[in-house]
Amino acid sequence: MARYAIVGGRLVGARRVESDRAVLVRDGRVEALPPYAEVPPGVRRIDVAGRYVSPGLVDIHAHGAAGHTFDDADATGYDAVLAGHARYGVTAMLASLASARPADLADRLRFAAAHQARTRAGARLLGAHLEGPFLAPEQAGAHRPDLLVEPTPPLVRQLLPAGAEPAMVTLAPELPGGIAAVAAFRAAGTVVAAGHSAADARQLDAARSAGLSHLSHLWSGQSGLRRDGPWRVPGLVEESLASTGLTAEVIADGRHLPPALLRIALRCLPDRLCVVSDATAGAGLPAGSRYRLAGNDCVVADGVGVVVGQDAFAGSTTGLDAMVRHLHTGLDVPLPAAIGMATTVPSRVLGLPAPLSTGAPADVAVFDDDLTVRATVVGGDWRYDPYEWGESR
């Protein structure tokens, strides 16, 4: 792959936005972030004309887009989802698989692993994320309760197929066998998150000791404060916000959480909070469009997905770029921090290199002033490029 430099932009770093900083790319990786004057002579320059240049967004919780879902083991559908998210500035993502029969989930894990090994257009597939079936029925949300099961050792082994282990799993650690399941998944290298759960402080502490390190979508599928006689007992929401060391997710689509709750999360977990889309097949579809999630019929309504006939959200229909925009323009989160919630923190959750660090994949998103995505670069390859900047290489 050609050596080139992205110049003429405003580079969004971890703490500040810099106007005299190039991204020097070689063989699909970041060679350096030099001042313009230090770009080597003869290196081709791609001028993005004053736009924001940021690390590519990383979405660790997304089920689909553009009418397709990762639950369908279909190469065409996978490619459509990955291409759809590239249009949102996403350069890397997990394929979130919703609750289903364990045998079906095992097959879907194998398919995701096989697809991950192929070179394709769109965002890079980092692996699979199992959201279910080891979830608490009382916190099922859009997951059909009849598909939820307890994590017995045979079922856990079934969902750790050799060579196709999930990159992440969301489970309810308070279920019988839950702590042993946390340990088994962690031993296989899987990041373990608590979600769709009513775990109390003792159960969450036990799960942390067994290897749990992450919390799925705060307030969505989490138990809250309750009374036991005169005593107030924190739920998983409060334990999450009071936690130390755990990372956590929010869905910042302007629908799942009102501004006050997002501000609480930002204040409680300022450096450990990542934004996820939880996007479904409904992402990018018009109002009234139908789709499926976790065995349920769902519909796009008022900018979000809802389960037909139920009082429950069914994932989001919004891309990660719009969520970063909502955080920055709607809640006044500084741009480096808002971008970091979609890049640095999710990368840390998965143990990936720091975005745009030397030697890391050259994953870049280019934004207009209003944070509209204008290009997405995956491993140095301009995969979403309506201005055809990459053609100048």
Protein backbone atom coordinates (compact mmCIF):
# COMPACT_ATOMS: atom_id res chain seq x y z
CA MET A 1 0.00 0.00 0.00
CA ALA A 2 1.28 3.48 -0.86
CA ARG A 3 2.84 5.73 1.73
CA TYR A 4 0.88 8.95 2.13
CA ALA A 5 0.06 11.73 4.56
CA ILE A 6 -3.31 13.20 5.52
CA VAL A 7 -2.77 16.95 5.80
CA GLY A 8 -4.78 20.15 5.97
CA GLY A 9 -7.05 18.98 8.76
CA ARG A 10 -7.55 19.59 12.46
CA LEU A 11 -6.36 16.51 14.31
CA VAL A 12 -8.56 15.57 17.28
CA GLY A 13 -6.26 14.22 19.97
CA ALA A 14 -6.92 12.90 23.43
CA ARG A 15 -6.78 16.36 25.05
CA ARG A 16 -6.81 18.97 22.29
CA VAL A 17 -7.42 19.71 18.62
CA GLU A 18 -4.23 20.50 16.67
CA SER A 19 -4.12 22.29 13.33
CA ASP A 20 -0.50 21.57 12.35
CA ARG A 21 -0.41 17.79 12.55
CA ALA A 22 -0.36 15.23 9.74
CA VAL A 23 -1.20 11.52 9.82
CA LEU A 24 1.64 9.72 8.08
CA VAL A 25 0.51 6.30 6.83
CA ARG A 26 2.72 3.46 5.68
CA ASP A 27 1.62 -0.07 4.82
CA GLY A 28 -1.76 0.52 6.43
CA ARG A 29 -0.36 1.62 9.78
CA VAL A 30 0.39 4.89 11.50
CA GLU A 31 4.02 5.79 10.91
CA ALA A 32 3.95 9.11 12.74
CA LEU A 33 1.90 12.23 13.50
CA PRO A 34 4.41 14.89 12.41
CA PRO A 35 3.98 18.63 11.91
CA TYR A 36 3.38 19.42 8.25
CA ALA A 37 6.93 20.71 7.83
CA GLU A 38 8.28 17.29 8.84
CA VAL A 39 6.32 15.24 6.32
CA PRO A 40 9.09 13.61 4.24
CA PRO A 41 9.64 15.03 0.75
CA GLY A 42 8.02 13.03 -2.02
CA VAL A 43 5.28 11.58 0.18
CA ARG A 44 1.87 11.99 -1.43
CA ARG A 45 -0.34 14.40 0.51
CA ILE A 46 -4.11 14.14 0.83
CA ASP A 47 -5.50 17.53 1.82
CA VAL A 48 -8.83 17.35 3.68
CA ALA A 49 -9.35 21.11 3.50
CA GLY A 50 -9.65 22.09 7.14
CA ARG A 51 -11.91 19.29 8.30
CA TYR A 52 -11.61 17.41 11.57
CA VAL A 53 -9.39 14.32 11.42
CA SER A 54 -9.96 11.87 14.26
CA PRO A 55 -9.22 8.27 15.10
CA GLY A 56 -11.77 5.98 13.49
CA LEU A 57 -14.74 5.25 15.73
CA VAL A 58 -14.94 1.87 17.48
CA ASP A 59 -18.40 0.41 18.14
CA ILE A 60 -18.32 -2.52 20.56
CA HIS A 61 -22.10 -2.96 20.77
CA ALA A 62 -24.04 -3.00 17.49
CA HIS A 63 -26.42 -5.59 16.05
CA GLY A 64 -26.94 -4.42 12.49
CA ALA A 65 -27.80 -1.64 10.05
CA ALA A 66 -29.50 -0.95 6.74
CA GLY A 67 -32.06 -3.73 7.09
CA HIS A 68 -29.51 -6.42 7.96
CA THR A 69 -28.44 -8.02 11.23
CA PHE A 70 -25.44 -9.98 12.44
CA ASP A 71 -27.91 -12.59 13.73
CA ASP A 72 -28.31 -13.72 10.11
CA ALA A 73 -25.22 -15.73 9.19
CA ASP A 74 -25.09 -14.23 5.73
CA ALA A 75 -21.99 -12.77 4.04
CA THR A 76 -23.97 -10.24 2.02
CA GLY A 77 -25.76 -9.04 5.13
CA TYR A 78 -22.53 -8.79 7.12
CA ASP A 79 -20.93 -6.73 4.36
CA ALA A 80 -23.96 -4.43 4.25
CA VAL A 81 -23.81 -3.85 8.01
CA LEU A 82 -20.06 -3.20 7.97
CA ALA A 83 -20.40 -0.82 5.02
CA GLY A 84 -23.31 0.93 6.71
CA HIS A 85 -21.32 1.57 9.87
CA ALA A 86 -18.32 2.80 7.86
CA ARG A 87 -20.60 5.61 6.68
CA TYR A 88 -20.96 6.51 10.38
CA GLY A 89 -17.18 6.90 10.75
CA VAL A 90 -16.79 3.46 12.34
CA THR A 91 -13.54 1.72 11.41
CA ALA A 92 -13.78 -1.26 13.77
CA MET A 93 -16.66 -3.00 15.50
CA LEU A 94 -17.97 -6.11 17.19
CA ALA A 95 -20.83 -8.15 15.75
CA SER A 96 -23.37 -8.21 18.58
CA LEU A 97 -25.45 -11.39 18.59
CA ALA A 98 -28.77 -11.29 20.44
CA SER A 99 -30.28 -14.09 22.52
CA ALA A 100 -31.12 -17.29 20.66
CA ARG A 101 -30.83 -21.04 21.17
CA PRO A 102 -27.24 -21.85 22.24
CA ALA A 103 -26.73 -24.17 19.28
CA ASP A 104 -27.72 -21.36 16.91
CA LEU A 105 -25.45 -18.91 18.70
CA ALA A 106 -22.51 -21.31 18.43
CA ASP A 107 -23.06 -21.50 14.67
CA ARG A 108 -23.25 -17.70 14.47
CA LEU A 109 -19.98 -17.39 16.40
CA ARG A 110 -18.27 -19.67 13.90
CA PHE A 111 -19.67 -17.69 10.99
CA ALA A 112 -18.52 -14.38 12.51
CA ALA A 113 -15.01 -15.77 13.02
CA ALA A 114 -14.85 -16.97 9.42
CA HIS A 115 -16.11 -13.63 8.10
CA GLN A 116 -13.63 -11.75 10.27
CA ALA A 117 -10.76 -13.52 8.48
CA ARG A 118 -11.84 -12.22 5.08
CA THR A 119 -10.79 -8.87 3.62
CA ARG A 120 -13.93 -6.90 2.83
CA ALA A 121 -15.25 -3.38 2.46
CA GLY A 122 -16.57 -1.38 5.38
CA ALA A 123 -15.59 -1.37 9.03
CA ARG A 124 -13.13 -3.96 10.31
CA LEU A 125 -14.81 -6.82 12.17
CA LEU A 126 -13.06 -7.36 15.51
CA GLY A 127 -15.03 -10.41 16.58
CA ALA A 128 -18.39 -11.26 18.07
CA HIS A 129 -20.21 -9.98 21.14
CA LEU A 130 -22.70 -12.35 22.75
CA GLU A 131 -25.56 -10.41 24.30
CA GLY A 132 -27.41 -13.34 25.75
CA PRO A 133 -28.69 -15.92 26.36
CA PHE A 134 -27.43 -15.71 29.97
CA LEU A 135 -29.58 -12.72 30.92
CA ALA A 136 -31.99 -12.05 33.78
CA PRO A 137 -35.62 -12.49 32.66
CA GLU A 138 -36.78 -9.49 34.72
CA GLN A 139 -34.28 -7.32 32.81
CA ALA A 140 -34.84 -8.92 29.40
CA GLY A 141 -35.73 -5.71 27.55
CA ALA A 142 -36.03 -6.61 23.86
CA HIS A 143 -34.78 -10.18 24.44
CA ARG A 144 -37.51 -12.82 24.44
CA PRO A 145 -37.66 -14.35 27.94
CA ASP A 146 -38.21 -17.86 26.58
CA LEU A 147 -34.77 -17.66 24.92
CA LEU A 148 -32.96 -16.89 28.17
CA VAL A 149 -31.19 -19.69 30.04
CA GLU A 150 -28.90 -20.16 33.02
CA PRO A 151 -25.17 -20.53 32.26
CA THR A 152 -24.53 -24.19 32.99
CA PRO A 153 -20.98 -25.42 32.28
CA PRO A 154 -22.06 -27.42 29.18
CA LEU A 155 -23.81 -24.38 27.69
CA VAL A 156 -20.85 -22.12 28.42
CA ARG A 157 -18.52 -24.61 26.72
CA GLN A 158 -20.88 -24.72 23.74
CA LEU A 159 -20.55 -20.94 23.41
CA LEU A 160 -16.76 -21.10 23.44
CA PRO A 161 -16.20 -22.91 20.13
CA ALA A 162 -12.50 -23.44 19.43
CA GLY A 163 -11.15 -20.67 17.25
CA ALA A 164 -14.43 -18.76 17.38
CA GLU A 165 -14.60 -17.62 20.99
CA PRO A 166 -16.54 -14.36 21.44
CA ALA A 167 -14.51 -11.20 21.94
CA MET A 168 -17.06 -10.04 24.51
CA VAL A 169 -20.04 -11.47 26.35
CA THR A 170 -22.81 -9.68 28.23
CA LEU A 171 -24.42 -11.74 30.99
CA ALA A 172 -26.21 -11.50 34.33
CA PRO A 173 -23.65 -12.67 36.91
CA GLU A 174 -26.30 -13.23 39.61
CA LEU A 175 -27.80 -16.18 37.74
CA PRO A 176 -27.02 -19.66 39.09
CA GLY A 177 -23.64 -20.54 37.63
CA GLY A 178 -23.01 -16.91 36.68
CA ILE A 179 -19.72 -16.43 38.52
CA ALA A 180 -18.30 -19.67 37.15
CA ALA A 181 -19.38 -18.53 33.68
CA VAL A 182 -17.54 -15.23 34.13
CA ALA A 183 -14.37 -17.13 35.02
CA ALA A 184 -14.73 -19.55 32.10
CA PHE A 185 -15.27 -16.81 29.51
CA ARG A 186 -12.42 -14.74 30.92
CA ALA A 187 -10.08 -17.74 30.85
CA ALA A 188 -10.85 -18.03 27.12
CA GLY A 189 -9.82 -14.40 26.57
CA THR A 190 -13.35 -13.00 26.37
CA VAL A 191 -14.15 -9.59 27.86
CA VAL A 192 -17.04 -10.09 30.29
CA ALA A 193 -19.69 -7.43 30.88
CA ALA A 194 -22.64 -7.28 33.25
CA GLY A 195 -25.87 -6.41 31.49
CA HIS A 196 -29.59 -7.19 31.44
CA SER A 197 -28.94 -7.92 35.08
CA ALA A 198 -30.18 -7.26 38.61
CA ALA A 199 -26.85 -8.04 40.29
CA ASP A 200 -26.37 -6.55 43.75
CA ALA A 201 -23.11 -5.27 45.25
CA ARG A 202 -22.00 -8.67 46.53
CA GLN A 203 -22.70 -10.40 43.24
CA LEU A 204 -21.00 -7.68 41.21
CA ASP A 205 -17.93 -7.85 43.46
CA ALA A 206 -17.78 -11.63 43.03
CA ALA A 207 -18.04 -11.24 39.27
CA ARG A 208 -15.23 -8.68 39.27
CA SER A 209 -13.05 -11.07 41.22
CA ALA A 210 -13.78 -13.72 38.59
CA GLY A 211 -12.76 -11.39 35.75
CA LEU A 212 -15.73 -9.18 34.85
CA SER A 213 -14.47 -5.76 33.71
CA HIS A 214 -17.26 -3.97 31.84
CA LEU A 215 -20.87 -2.80 32.18
CA SER A 216 -23.30 -2.86 29.26
CA HIS A 217 -25.51 0.14 28.41
CA LEU A 218 -26.16 1.95 31.70
CA TRP A 219 -29.85 2.22 32.73
CA SER A 220 -30.86 -0.14 29.91
CA GLY A 221 -31.49 -3.59 31.35
CA GLN A 222 -30.15 -2.68 34.81
CA SER A 223 -31.96 -2.89 38.14
CA GLY A 224 -32.35 0.33 40.12
CA LEU A 225 -32.71 1.48 43.71
CA ARG A 226 -35.29 -0.43 45.77
CA ARG A 227 -36.58 -0.41 49.34
CA ASP A 228 -36.20 -3.30 51.76
CA GLY A 229 -38.37 -2.11 54.61
CA PRO A 230 -36.83 1.23 55.64
CA TRP A 231 -33.52 0.38 53.96
CA ARG A 232 -32.48 1.59 50.53
CA VAL A 233 -30.73 -1.07 48.47
CA PRO A 234 -28.70 0.04 45.42
CA GLY A 235 -29.43 -1.70 42.15
CA LEU A 236 -26.97 -2.43 39.37
CA VAL A 237 -27.34 1.14 38.06
CA GLU A 238 -26.14 2.66 41.33
CA GLU A 239 -23.42 0.03 41.79
CA SER A 240 -22.21 0.77 38.26
CA LEU A 241 -22.00 4.50 38.85
CA ALA A 242 -20.22 4.00 42.17
CA SER A 243 -17.79 1.42 40.77
CA THR A 244 -14.04 1.83 40.50
CA GLY A 245 -12.07 0.32 37.66
CA LEU A 246 -14.98 -0.93 35.58
CA THR A 247 -15.67 0.55 32.15
CA ALA A 248 -19.25 1.20 31.08
CA GLU A 249 -21.42 2.01 28.06
CA VAL A 250 -24.10 4.56 27.31
CA ILE A 251 -26.42 4.76 24.30
CA ALA A 252 -26.35 8.49 23.48
CA ASP A 253 -29.02 8.59 20.78
CA GLY A 254 -31.14 11.21 22.53
CA ARG A 255 -33.86 8.59 23.01
CA HIS A 256 -32.61 5.90 25.41
CA LEU A 257 -31.31 8.35 28.04
CA PRO A 258 -32.34 11.93 28.81
CA PRO A 259 -29.56 14.52 29.17
CA ALA A 260 -29.63 14.44 32.98
CA LEU A 261 -28.75 10.73 33.08
CA LEU A 262 -25.95 11.16 30.55
CA ARG A 263 -24.53 13.98 32.66
CA ILE A 264 -24.64 11.79 35.77
CA ALA A 265 -22.74 9.04 33.96
CA LEU A 266 -20.16 11.51 32.65
CA ARG A 267 -19.55 12.88 36.14
CA CYS A 268 -19.33 9.47 37.79
CA LEU A 269 -17.24 7.68 35.15
CA PRO A 270 -15.41 10.46 33.28
CA ASP A 271 -12.53 8.39 31.91
CA ARG A 272 -14.24 4.98 31.85
CA LEU A 273 -17.37 5.72 29.84
CA CYS A 274 -17.74 4.70 26.22
CA VAL A 275 -20.55 5.42 23.81
CA VAL A 276 -22.07 2.55 21.83
CA SER A 277 -24.71 2.64 19.13
CA ASP A 278 -26.59 -0.57 19.99
CA ALA A 279 -27.69 -0.11 16.38
CA THR A 280 -30.04 -2.66 14.88
CA ALA A 281 -31.22 -3.56 11.40
CA GLY A 282 -33.44 -0.49 11.73
CA ALA A 283 -30.45 1.88 11.56
CA GLY A 284 -30.70 3.94 8.41
CA LEU A 285 -34.29 2.88 7.68
CA PRO A 286 -37.28 5.26 7.58
CA ALA A 287 -39.97 5.46 10.25
CA GLY A 288 -42.39 2.56 10.11
CA SER A 289 -39.78 0.06 8.90
CA ARG A 290 -39.99 -3.37 10.53
CA TYR A 291 -37.07 -5.54 11.64
CA ARG A 292 -36.29 -8.43 13.98
CA LEU A 293 -34.19 -8.48 17.16
CA ALA A 294 -33.73 -11.34 19.62
CA GLY A 295 -36.81 -13.10 18.25
CA ASN A 296 -39.04 -10.03 18.52
CA ASP A 297 -40.82 -7.99 15.88
CA CYS A 298 -39.64 -4.38 16.08
CA VAL A 299 -40.40 -1.11 14.33
CA VAL A 300 -38.62 2.20 13.75
CA ALA A 301 -40.64 4.91 15.51
CA ASP A 302 -39.71 8.47 16.52
CA GLY A 303 -36.01 7.96 15.87
CA VAL A 304 -35.59 4.73 17.82
CA GLY A 305 -36.48 1.04 17.67
CA VAL A 306 -39.33 -0.34 19.77
CA VAL A 307 -40.69 -3.84 20.29
CA VAL A 308 -44.07 -4.16 18.60
CA GLY A 309 -46.81 -4.42 21.22
CA GLN A 310 -44.47 -3.82 24.16
CA ASP A 311 -43.30 -0.85 26.18
CA ALA A 312 -39.62 -1.50 25.42
CA PHE A 313 -36.88 -0.10 23.25
CA ALA A 314 -35.37 -2.49 20.70
CA GLY A 315 -31.86 -1.17 20.29
CA SER A 316 -31.20 2.08 18.47
CA THR A 317 -31.54 3.22 14.88
CA THR A 318 -28.74 5.77 15.18
CA GLY A 319 -25.10 5.61 14.11
CA LEU A 320 -22.16 6.28 16.40
CA ASP A 321 -21.31 9.54 14.62
CA ALA A 322 -24.68 11.04 15.54
CA MET A 323 -24.15 9.99 19.17
CA VAL A 324 -20.77 11.73 19.29
CA ARG A 325 -22.47 14.78 17.78
CA HIS A 326 -25.21 14.64 20.44
CA LEU A 327 -22.63 14.46 23.23
CA HIS A 328 -20.66 17.40 21.83
CA THR A 329 -23.39 19.75 20.63
CA GLY A 330 -26.24 18.67 22.90
CA LEU A 331 -24.40 18.16 26.18
CA ASP A 332 -21.35 20.39 25.62
CA VAL A 333 -18.88 17.54 26.02
CA PRO A 334 -15.54 18.82 24.63
CA LEU A 335 -14.84 17.33 21.22
CA PRO A 336 -11.69 15.41 22.26
CA ALA A 337 -13.64 13.82 25.14
CA ALA A 338 -16.65 12.98 22.97
CA ILE A 339 -14.41 11.42 20.31
CA GLY A 340 -12.48 9.59 23.03
CA MET A 341 -15.69 7.97 24.27
CA ALA A 342 -16.04 6.39 20.82
CA THR A 343 -12.36 5.60 20.25
CA THR A 344 -9.98 5.49 23.21
CA VAL A 345 -12.29 3.96 25.81
CA PRO A 346 -13.78 1.16 23.64
CA SER A 347 -10.27 0.34 22.43
CA ARG A 348 -9.18 0.02 26.04
CA VAL A 349 -12.18 -2.21 26.82
CA LEU A 350 -11.00 -4.68 24.17
CA GLY A 351 -7.28 -4.34 24.91
CA LEU A 352 -6.51 -2.72 21.54
CA PRO A 353 -3.63 -0.29 20.86
CA ALA A 354 -4.31 3.36 21.54
CA PRO A 355 -5.96 4.89 18.46
CA LEU A 356 -3.55 6.55 16.01
CA SER A 357 -0.53 5.52 18.07
CA THR A 358 2.64 4.67 16.18
CA GLY A 359 2.29 1.21 14.63
CA ALA A 360 -1.47 1.05 15.18
CA PRO A 361 -3.78 0.47 12.20
CA ALA A 362 -4.30 3.67 10.22
CA ASP A 363 -7.98 3.95 11.14
CA VAL A 364 -9.22 7.50 10.56
CA ALA A 365 -12.51 9.39 10.32
CA VAL A 366 -12.83 12.79 8.64
CA PHE A 367 -15.65 15.10 9.77
CA ASP A 368 -17.12 18.44 8.70
CA ASP A 369 -17.53 21.17 11.30
CA ASP A 370 -21.00 19.83 12.13
CA LEU A 371 -19.48 16.33 12.61
CA THR A 372 -20.94 14.92 9.42
CA VAL A 373 -18.68 12.07 8.29
CA ARG A 374 -16.82 12.84 5.06
CA ALA A 375 -14.43 9.88 4.90
CA THR A 376 -13.61 6.66 6.74
CA VAL A 377 -10.17 5.08 6.43
CA VAL A 378 -9.67 1.48 7.60
CA GLY A 379 -6.10 0.25 7.80
CA GLY A 380 -5.06 2.99 5.38
CA ASP A 381 -7.78 2.00 2.90
CA TRP A 382 -10.33 4.74 2.10
CA ARG A 383 -13.47 2.64 2.43
CA TYR A 384 -16.03 5.43 2.65
CA ASP A 385 -14.75 8.20 0.43
CA PRO A 386 -17.45 10.21 -1.38
CA TYR A 387 -14.98 13.01 -2.15
CA GLU A 388 -12.54 10.46 -3.64
CA TRP A 389 -9.65 11.84 -1.64
CA GLY A 390 -8.15 8.38 -1.50
CA GLU A 391 -8.08 8.21 -5.30
CA SER A 392 -5.35 10.86 -5.26
CA ARG A 393 -2.95 8.32 -3.82
